[in-house]
Amino acid sequence: MTTETPGGGFEPLLLKPERAAVLLSIGRTKVYELMRSGALPSVRFGGSRRIPATALRQFVAQLEEDGEAA
């Protein structure tokens, strides 16, 4: 599932954990740890876990807020 971007391209709505790891510049294992702890919300899609793009953006926004508060 994808959504159109302003430039005419398409952005996936659900990301594989491996793709989320690349976008966050962290390891795949860390992404699974974040999903397991609930810090990074995910959904079950068939037999796989996927991370909603909105959840990834919210996760980064929360990291930014936490960084500003420190």
C-alpha atoms as a PDB file:
ATOM      1  CA  MET A   1       0.000   0.000   0.000  1.00  0.00           C
ATOM      2  CA  THR A   2       1.392   3.389  -0.960  1.00  0.00           C
ATOM      3  CA  THR A   3       0.480   7.057  -0.958  1.00  0.00           C
ATOM      4  CA  GLU A   4       1.454   9.661  -3.545  1.00  0.00           C
ATOM      5  CA  THR A   5       4.071  12.225  -2.537  1.00  0.00           C
ATOM      6  CA  PRO A   6       4.087  15.867  -3.691  1.00  0.00           C
ATOM      7  CA  GLY A   7       6.865  15.062  -6.191  1.00  0.00           C
ATOM      8  CA  GLY A   8       4.670  12.481  -7.892  1.00  0.00           C
ATOM      9  CA  GLY A   9       6.434   9.468  -6.349  1.00  0.00           C
ATOM     10  CA  PHE A  10       4.927   6.951  -4.003  1.00  0.00           C
ATOM     11  CA  GLU A  11       5.719   6.335  -0.352  1.00  0.00           C
ATOM     12  CA  PRO A  12       4.806   3.025   1.323  1.00  0.00           C
ATOM     13  CA  LEU A  13       2.282   3.211   4.152  1.00  0.00           C
ATOM     14  CA  LEU A  14       3.639   0.074   5.846  1.00  0.00           C
ATOM     15  CA  LEU A  15       7.361  -0.551   6.189  1.00  0.00           C
ATOM     16  CA  LYS A  16       9.281  -3.757   6.731  1.00  0.00           C
ATOM     17  CA  PRO A  17      11.384  -3.638   9.904  1.00  0.00           C
ATOM     18  CA  GLU A  18      14.509  -3.882   7.741  1.00  0.00           C
ATOM     19  CA  ARG A  19      13.484  -0.745   5.827  1.00  0.00           C
ATOM     20  CA  ALA A  20      12.674   1.096   9.057  1.00  0.00           C
ATOM     21  CA  ALA A  21      16.145   0.173  10.337  1.00  0.00           C
ATOM     22  CA  VAL A  22      17.742   1.725   7.255  1.00  0.00           C
ATOM     23  CA  LEU A  23      15.648   4.880   7.568  1.00  0.00           C
ATOM     24  CA  LEU A  24      16.520   5.218  11.271  1.00  0.00           C
ATOM     25  CA  SER A  25      20.199   4.295  10.740  1.00  0.00           C
ATOM     26  CA  ILE A  26      19.992   1.554  13.381  1.00  0.00           C
ATOM     27  CA  GLY A  27      20.231  -2.211  13.276  1.00  0.00           C
ATOM     28  CA  ARG A  28      17.365  -4.530  12.446  1.00  0.00           C
ATOM     29  CA  THR A  29      17.633  -6.165  15.877  1.00  0.00           C
ATOM     30  CA  LYS A  30      17.153  -2.784  17.556  1.00  0.00           C
ATOM     31  CA  VAL A  31      13.997  -2.177  15.497  1.00  0.00           C
ATOM     32  CA  TYR A  32      12.592  -5.512  16.680  1.00  0.00           C
ATOM     33  CA  GLU A  33      13.470  -4.585  20.291  1.00  0.00           C
ATOM     34  CA  LEU A  34      11.650  -1.248  19.911  1.00  0.00           C
ATOM     35  CA  MET A  35       8.619  -3.023  18.436  1.00  0.00           C
ATOM     36  CA  ARG A  36       8.614  -5.629  21.213  1.00  0.00           C
ATOM     37  CA  SER A  37       8.790  -2.949  23.925  1.00  0.00           C
ATOM     38  CA  GLY A  38       5.975  -0.933  22.328  1.00  0.00           C
ATOM     39  CA  ALA A  39       8.194   2.099  21.746  1.00  0.00           C
ATOM     40  CA  LEU A  40       7.755   1.659  17.980  1.00  0.00           C
ATOM     41  CA  PRO A  41       4.205   0.584  17.146  1.00  0.00           C
ATOM     42  CA  SER A  42       3.723  -2.130  14.550  1.00  0.00           C
ATOM     43  CA  VAL A  43       0.881  -4.063  12.989  1.00  0.00           C
ATOM     44  CA  ARG A  44       0.528  -7.687  11.982  1.00  0.00           C
ATOM     45  CA  PHE A  45      -0.082  -8.080   8.265  1.00  0.00           C
ATOM     46  CA  GLY A  46      -0.548 -11.708   7.334  1.00  0.00           C
ATOM     47  CA  GLY A  47       2.325 -13.525   9.001  1.00  0.00           C
ATOM     48  CA  SER A  48       4.595 -10.472   9.047  1.00  0.00           C
ATOM     49  CA  ARG A  49       5.095  -7.383  11.163  1.00  0.00           C
ATOM     50  CA  ARG A  50       4.984  -3.995   9.499  1.00  0.00           C
ATOM     51  CA  ILE A  51       5.571  -0.503  10.848  1.00  0.00           C
ATOM     52  CA  PRO A  52       3.118   2.192   9.750  1.00  0.00           C
ATOM     53  CA  ALA A  53       4.941   5.157   8.212  1.00  0.00           C
ATOM     54  CA  THR A  54       2.997   7.438  10.546  1.00  0.00           C
ATOM     55  CA  ALA A  55       4.264   5.479  13.568  1.00  0.00           C
ATOM     56  CA  LEU A  56       7.848   5.880  12.358  1.00  0.00           C
ATOM     57  CA  ARG A  57       7.380   9.650  12.005  1.00  0.00           C
ATOM     58  CA  GLN A  58       5.809   9.879  15.463  1.00  0.00           C
ATOM     59  CA  PHE A  59       8.677   7.860  16.935  1.00  0.00           C
ATOM     60  CA  VAL A  60      11.250  10.270  15.471  1.00  0.00           C
ATOM     61  CA  ALA A  61       9.205  13.291  16.603  1.00  0.00           C
ATOM     62  CA  GLN A  62       9.149  11.873  20.142  1.00  0.00           C
ATOM     63  CA  LEU A  63      12.925  11.390  20.050  1.00  0.00           C
ATOM     64  CA  GLU A  64      13.295  15.024  18.975  1.00  0.00           C
ATOM     65  CA  GLU A  65      11.020  16.219  21.793  1.00  0.00           C
ATOM     66  CA  ASP A  66      12.904  14.137  24.330  1.00  0.00           C
ATOM     67  CA  GLY A  67      16.193  15.548  23.037  1.00  0.00           C
ATOM     68  CA  GLU A  68      14.973  19.110  23.359  1.00  0.00           C
ATOM     69  CA  ALA A  69      13.800  18.492  26.924  1.00  0.00           C
ATOM     70  CA  ALA A  70      17.195  17.154  28.000  1.00  0.00           C
END
